Amino acid sequence: MVSEKIMEALPKLTKKQATLGRYICENLYAAALMNAPMIAKQAGVSEATLTRFVYTLGYSSFSEFLLDLRRQTQESNLNNPFRQEQYGRKDRPVYKRVFELEKSLMDETLNTIDSDVFETCINKIVAADQILLVGGPTHSFLTDYLTNFLPLFHDNVMAMHSLGMPFFGALESLTEKSVAIVLSYPRYPVETQKMLEAVANRGITIIGITDSRFSPIIRYCTHYLLTPQRYLMIFVDPNAPAITLMHAMLVAIYQKNEAYIKKRLNNYEKTIISTDMFVFKDYNFMSKL
């Protein structure tokens, strides 16, 4: 595939060619409908750079490159983030089709995760002096979900969903020991990109959680974990893999610092029991650990 050829060639590309390659990877479906002058203009490079880029990838001409690009985008492949999945027979109950799609994505995610990268991410989080969670406007609910639990496991956790004074104020408190965790999925909000760029300019470790290694946030990430996405219905995101990945991260963090986190959870439990938050006050949450 064109995108794979580009990613493999990135280390040997010139700066302008790399910029062009990233633009094409981030805009595969748009680029497939453009001619050479349009692609060069949108990427901010010359047509000569585009020509040399195409030759570097092993194509004999731009036409051959474009044909391959269109072939990739037209294939009914599972990596098209905007593909509406017609999963299974329509005469079967819709709940079965939805569950089967989510299950297939869970299996795909499990096979995608690199155990060494996962372990590195957990070690970085555990060692961080501060953690900044970045969700952006469309997937803030995922960041909020992680925000419900991570402060029980770590002293300093902040969540930001938009640019503004709170975000830039949070940036000022970050150090080289801090870690940012960013979540971004199609259609990849511009605001998330801008926030991520500001974080990256601080030289902070960035852990990305996204759907594909061609996601536009990848360029800023020190490490990244993938949870593929497909759709049964437009605007209904299959988020079970992302949430399950968060669960795995939380369990791994707990195991790295069990004694300290148990103490924090005990204090949390005492505070909760002293309130009227729950009907069953006698339920011992800590007995499950």
Protein backbone atom coordinates (compact mmCIF):
# COMPACT_ATOMS: atom_id res chain seq x y z
CA MET A 1 0.00 0.00 0.00
CA VAL A 2 1.09 3.57 -0.67
CA SER A 3 0.76 4.58 2.98
CA GLU A 4 3.01 1.72 4.09
CA LYS A 5 5.62 2.60 1.46
CA ILE A 6 5.62 6.19 2.71
CA MET A 7 6.02 5.21 6.36
CA GLU A 8 8.89 2.86 5.51
CA ALA A 9 10.61 5.54 3.42
CA LEU A 10 10.24 8.40 5.94
CA PRO A 11 13.70 8.03 7.53
CA LYS A 12 15.46 8.50 4.19
CA LEU A 13 13.24 11.27 2.78
CA THR A 14 14.30 14.90 2.65
CA LYS A 15 12.53 17.32 4.98
CA LYS A 16 10.17 18.53 2.24
CA GLN A 17 9.52 15.01 1.00
CA ALA A 18 8.71 13.92 4.56
CA THR A 19 6.26 16.83 4.86
CA LEU A 20 4.65 15.71 1.61
CA GLY A 21 4.51 12.08 2.76
CA ARG A 22 2.82 13.00 6.04
CA TYR A 23 0.29 15.16 4.22
CA ILE A 24 -0.65 12.29 1.91
CA CYS A 25 -0.92 9.79 4.80
CA GLU A 26 -3.14 12.17 6.73
CA ASN A 27 -5.31 12.93 3.69
CA LEU A 28 -5.33 9.67 1.72
CA TYR A 29 -8.90 9.92 0.48
CA ALA A 30 -8.62 13.57 -0.53
CA ALA A 31 -5.20 13.13 -2.18
CA ALA A 32 -6.53 10.24 -4.27
CA LEU A 33 -8.88 12.71 -5.98
CA MET A 34 -6.21 15.36 -6.69
CA ASN A 35 -3.79 15.89 -9.55
CA ALA A 36 -0.07 16.57 -9.07
CA PRO A 37 -0.28 20.39 -8.85
CA MET A 38 -3.09 20.17 -6.28
CA ILE A 39 -1.25 17.71 -4.04
CA ALA A 40 1.94 19.77 -4.19
CA LYS A 41 0.06 22.99 -3.38
CA GLN A 42 -1.88 21.47 -0.46
CA ALA A 43 1.31 19.95 1.00
CA GLY A 44 3.24 23.21 0.57
CA VAL A 45 5.94 21.77 -1.69
CA SER A 46 6.95 22.10 -5.34
CA GLU A 47 5.87 19.74 -8.11
CA ALA A 48 9.54 18.85 -8.54
CA THR A 49 9.61 17.66 -4.91
CA LEU A 50 6.50 15.58 -5.59
CA THR A 51 8.15 14.02 -8.65
CA ARG A 52 11.31 13.11 -6.72
CA PHE A 53 9.14 11.80 -3.88
CA VAL A 54 7.28 9.47 -6.25
CA TYR A 55 10.54 8.13 -7.69
CA THR A 56 11.94 7.58 -4.19
CA LEU A 57 8.95 5.38 -3.37
CA GLY A 58 9.75 3.23 -6.39
CA TYR A 59 7.13 4.46 -8.85
CA SER A 60 8.05 5.21 -12.45
CA SER A 61 5.63 8.12 -12.73
CA PHE A 62 3.07 10.20 -10.83
CA SER A 63 0.31 8.43 -12.75
CA GLU A 64 1.47 5.06 -11.44
CA PHE A 65 1.65 6.46 -7.91
CA LEU A 66 -1.85 7.96 -8.15
CA LEU A 67 -3.28 4.72 -9.52
CA ASP A 68 -1.84 2.82 -6.56
CA LEU A 69 -3.17 5.44 -4.15
CA ARG A 70 -6.65 5.22 -5.63
CA ARG A 71 -6.51 1.44 -5.52
CA GLN A 72 -5.74 1.60 -1.80
CA THR A 73 -8.55 4.01 -1.02
CA GLN A 74 -11.11 2.23 -3.20
CA GLU A 75 -10.51 -1.20 -1.75
CA SER A 76 -13.09 -2.31 0.76
CA ASN A 77 -10.46 -2.51 3.46
CA LEU A 78 -10.91 -2.45 7.20
CA ASN A 79 -8.63 0.53 7.73
CA ASN A 80 -10.93 3.12 6.16
CA PRO A 81 -12.03 5.06 9.26
CA PHE A 82 -15.12 6.44 7.51
CA ARG A 83 -16.37 3.11 6.20
CA GLN A 84 -19.90 2.24 7.27
CA GLU A 85 -19.69 -1.42 8.19
CA GLN A 86 -22.42 -3.71 6.86
CA TYR A 87 -21.53 -6.42 9.33
CA GLY A 88 -23.18 -9.79 8.90
CA ARG A 89 -26.61 -10.61 7.53
CA LYS A 90 -29.24 -7.92 7.87
CA ASP A 91 -31.90 -10.48 8.71
CA ARG A 92 -30.11 -11.12 12.00
CA PRO A 93 -30.90 -9.00 15.09
CA VAL A 94 -29.06 -5.68 15.03
CA TYR A 95 -27.76 -6.14 18.57
CA LYS A 96 -25.94 -9.30 17.46
CA ARG A 97 -24.34 -7.48 14.55
CA VAL A 98 -23.24 -4.60 16.80
CA PHE A 99 -21.80 -6.94 19.44
CA GLU A 100 -19.99 -8.96 16.79
CA LEU A 101 -18.44 -5.83 15.30
CA GLU A 102 -17.30 -4.62 18.72
CA LYS A 103 -15.91 -8.08 19.49
CA SER A 104 -14.01 -8.18 16.19
CA LEU A 105 -12.50 -4.79 16.98
CA MET A 106 -11.52 -5.97 20.46
CA ASP A 107 -9.71 -8.93 18.90
CA GLU A 108 -8.09 -6.67 16.31
CA THR A 109 -6.92 -4.28 19.03
CA LEU A 110 -5.47 -7.13 21.08
CA ASN A 111 -3.47 -8.29 18.07
CA THR A 112 -2.33 -4.74 17.30
CA ILE A 113 -0.87 -3.80 20.70
CA ASP A 114 2.89 -4.15 21.01
CA SER A 115 3.62 -5.44 24.52
CA ASP A 116 6.95 -3.59 24.72
CA VAL A 117 5.34 -0.29 23.72
CA PHE A 118 2.52 -0.87 26.21
CA GLU A 119 5.03 -1.56 28.99
CA THR A 120 7.03 1.56 28.10
CA CYS A 121 3.87 3.69 28.22
CA ILE A 122 2.94 2.34 31.66
CA ASN A 123 6.44 2.98 33.03
CA LYS A 124 6.36 6.55 31.73
CA ILE A 125 2.97 7.17 33.35
CA VAL A 126 4.02 5.69 36.70
CA ALA A 127 7.23 7.77 36.76
CA ALA A 128 5.57 11.02 35.66
CA ASP A 129 5.39 13.97 38.04
CA GLN A 130 2.23 15.19 36.28
CA ILE A 131 -0.17 13.73 33.73
CA LEU A 132 -2.08 15.85 31.23
CA LEU A 133 -5.05 14.21 29.49
CA VAL A 134 -6.03 15.75 26.15
CA GLY A 135 -9.32 14.74 24.55
CA GLY A 136 -10.52 17.51 22.30
CA PRO A 137 -14.14 18.43 21.55
CA THR A 138 -15.45 15.17 20.03
CA HIS A 139 -13.92 12.52 22.28
CA SER A 140 -13.82 14.33 25.59
CA PHE A 141 -16.07 11.62 27.05
CA LEU A 142 -13.24 9.11 26.67
CA THR A 143 -10.82 11.43 28.42
CA ASP A 144 -13.43 12.03 31.13
CA TYR A 145 -13.77 8.27 31.60
CA LEU A 146 -10.04 7.95 32.24
CA THR A 147 -10.19 11.03 34.46
CA ASN A 148 -12.67 9.22 36.71
CA PHE A 149 -10.04 6.67 37.71
CA LEU A 150 -6.51 7.87 37.02
CA PRO A 151 -6.47 10.46 39.87
CA LEU A 152 -6.93 7.54 42.28
CA PHE A 153 -3.72 6.06 40.92
CA HIS A 154 -1.61 9.20 40.55
CA ASP A 155 -1.15 12.43 42.50
CA ASN A 156 -1.31 14.99 39.69
CA VAL A 157 -3.75 14.48 36.82
CA MET A 158 -5.28 17.22 34.67
CA ALA A 159 -7.77 16.89 31.79
CA MET A 160 -8.15 19.49 29.04
CA HIS A 161 -10.59 19.48 26.14
CA SER A 162 -10.04 22.85 24.49
CA LEU A 163 -7.59 25.65 23.92
CA GLY A 164 -7.80 28.55 26.32
CA MET A 165 -6.32 29.95 29.49
CA PRO A 166 -6.79 26.77 31.59
CA PHE A 167 -4.96 24.73 28.95
CA PHE A 168 -2.05 27.13 28.56
CA GLY A 169 -1.89 27.52 32.34
CA ALA A 170 -1.61 23.74 32.66
CA LEU A 171 1.23 23.74 30.12
CA GLU A 172 3.23 26.09 32.32
CA SER A 173 3.21 23.58 35.17
CA LEU A 174 4.50 20.66 33.09
CA THR A 175 8.12 19.55 33.29
CA GLU A 176 10.38 17.19 31.35
CA LYS A 177 9.16 14.44 33.71
CA SER A 178 5.50 15.04 32.79
CA VAL A 179 3.45 12.88 30.43
CA ALA A 180 0.58 13.84 28.15
CA ILE A 181 -1.99 11.23 27.09
CA VAL A 182 -3.96 12.27 24.03
CA LEU A 183 -6.99 10.56 22.48
CA SER A 184 -8.05 11.34 18.92
CA TYR A 185 -10.26 9.50 16.46
CA PRO A 186 -11.83 10.28 13.08
CA ARG A 187 -12.52 12.88 12.03
CA TYR A 188 -9.57 14.11 14.11
CA PRO A 189 -10.52 17.53 15.55
CA VAL A 190 -8.28 20.43 14.56
CA GLU A 191 -8.39 21.73 18.14
CA THR A 192 -6.86 18.48 19.41
CA GLN A 193 -4.07 18.89 16.86
CA LYS A 194 -3.36 22.44 18.02
CA MET A 195 -3.32 21.41 21.66
CA LEU A 196 -1.02 18.51 20.88
CA GLU A 197 1.35 20.73 18.92
CA ALA A 198 1.60 23.09 21.90
CA VAL A 199 2.39 20.15 24.20
CA ALA A 200 4.96 18.75 21.77
CA ASN A 201 6.76 22.10 21.65
CA ARG A 202 7.48 21.64 25.38
CA GLY A 203 9.42 18.43 24.70
CA ILE A 204 7.09 16.40 26.91
CA THR A 205 6.53 12.65 26.51
CA ILE A 206 3.30 12.15 24.57
CA ILE A 207 1.35 8.89 24.58
CA GLY A 208 -1.22 8.75 21.81
CA ILE A 209 -4.34 6.59 21.71
CA THR A 210 -5.86 6.60 18.25
CA ASP A 211 -7.22 4.36 15.49
CA SER A 212 -4.38 4.09 12.98
CA ARG A 213 -0.68 4.74 12.57
CA PHE A 214 -1.70 7.14 9.81
CA SER A 215 -3.66 9.25 12.29
CA PRO A 216 -2.52 12.90 12.19
CA ILE A 217 -1.57 12.83 15.89
CA ILE A 218 1.13 10.19 15.32
CA ARG A 219 3.73 12.73 14.22
CA TYR A 220 3.64 14.31 17.70
CA CYS A 221 3.59 11.11 19.75
CA THR A 222 6.58 9.66 21.57
CA HIS A 223 4.65 6.38 21.84
CA TYR A 224 1.22 5.35 20.63
CA LEU A 225 -1.37 2.59 21.13
CA LEU A 226 -3.99 1.74 18.52
CA THR A 227 -7.65 0.77 18.81
CA PRO A 228 -9.03 0.35 15.26
CA GLN A 229 -12.47 1.74 14.43
CA ARG A 230 -15.22 0.83 11.98
CA TYR A 231 -18.86 1.79 11.93
CA LEU A 232 -22.26 0.15 11.81
CA MET A 233 -23.85 3.56 11.60
CA ILE A 234 -22.27 6.93 10.88
CA PHE A 235 -21.54 8.90 14.09
CA VAL A 236 -21.94 5.83 16.29
CA ASP A 237 -18.38 5.09 17.35
CA PRO A 238 -17.38 1.61 18.56
CA ASN A 239 -15.50 2.68 21.68
CA ALA A 240 -15.35 -0.60 23.59
CA PRO A 241 -11.72 -1.25 22.50
CA ALA A 242 -10.57 2.19 23.66
CA ILE A 243 -12.24 1.80 27.05
CA THR A 244 -10.87 -1.73 27.46
CA LEU A 245 -7.39 -0.43 26.65
CA MET A 246 -7.82 2.16 29.41
CA HIS A 247 -8.81 -0.62 31.80
CA ALA A 248 -5.65 -2.54 30.88
CA MET A 249 -3.55 0.58 31.46
CA LEU A 250 -5.13 1.20 34.87
CA VAL A 251 -4.58 -2.41 35.98
CA ALA A 252 -0.96 -2.26 34.81
CA ILE A 253 -0.39 1.03 36.68
CA TYR A 254 -1.91 -0.51 39.81
CA GLN A 255 0.39 -3.51 39.61
CA LYS A 256 3.45 -1.26 39.27
CA ASN A 257 2.66 0.66 42.45
CA GLU A 258 0.29 -1.60 44.36
CA ALA A 259 1.05 -0.67 47.97
CA TYR A 260 0.84 3.08 47.35
CA ILE A 261 -2.34 2.87 45.28
CA LYS A 262 -4.02 0.54 47.80
CA LYS A 263 -3.41 3.17 50.46
CA ARG A 264 -4.96 5.86 48.25
CA LEU A 265 -7.95 3.64 47.46
CA ASN A 266 -8.47 2.89 51.15
CA ASN A 267 -8.62 6.60 51.91
CA TYR A 268 -10.97 7.11 48.98
CA GLU A 269 -13.23 4.32 50.21
CA LYS A 270 -13.40 5.79 53.73
CA THR A 271 -14.37 9.17 52.30
CA ILE A 272 -17.05 7.67 50.07
CA ILE A 273 -18.57 5.59 52.88
CA SER A 274 -18.82 8.68 55.08
CA THR A 275 -21.14 10.30 52.52
CA ASP A 276 -24.66 9.45 51.40
CA MET A 277 -23.55 8.70 47.85
CA PHE A 278 -24.51 5.01 47.76
CA VAL A 279 -27.49 2.95 48.87
CA PHE A 280 -25.36 -0.03 49.92
CA LYS A 281 -22.83 1.47 52.31
CA ASP A 282 -21.70 -1.92 53.59
CA TYR A 283 -20.28 -3.02 50.23
CA ASN A 284 -16.52 -3.37 50.75
CA PHE A 285 -14.87 -2.28 47.54
CA MET A 286 -11.37 -2.88 48.89
CA SER A 287 -12.15 -6.55 49.58
CA LYS A 288 -12.07 -7.09 45.82
CA LEU A 289 -8.40 -6.08 45.60
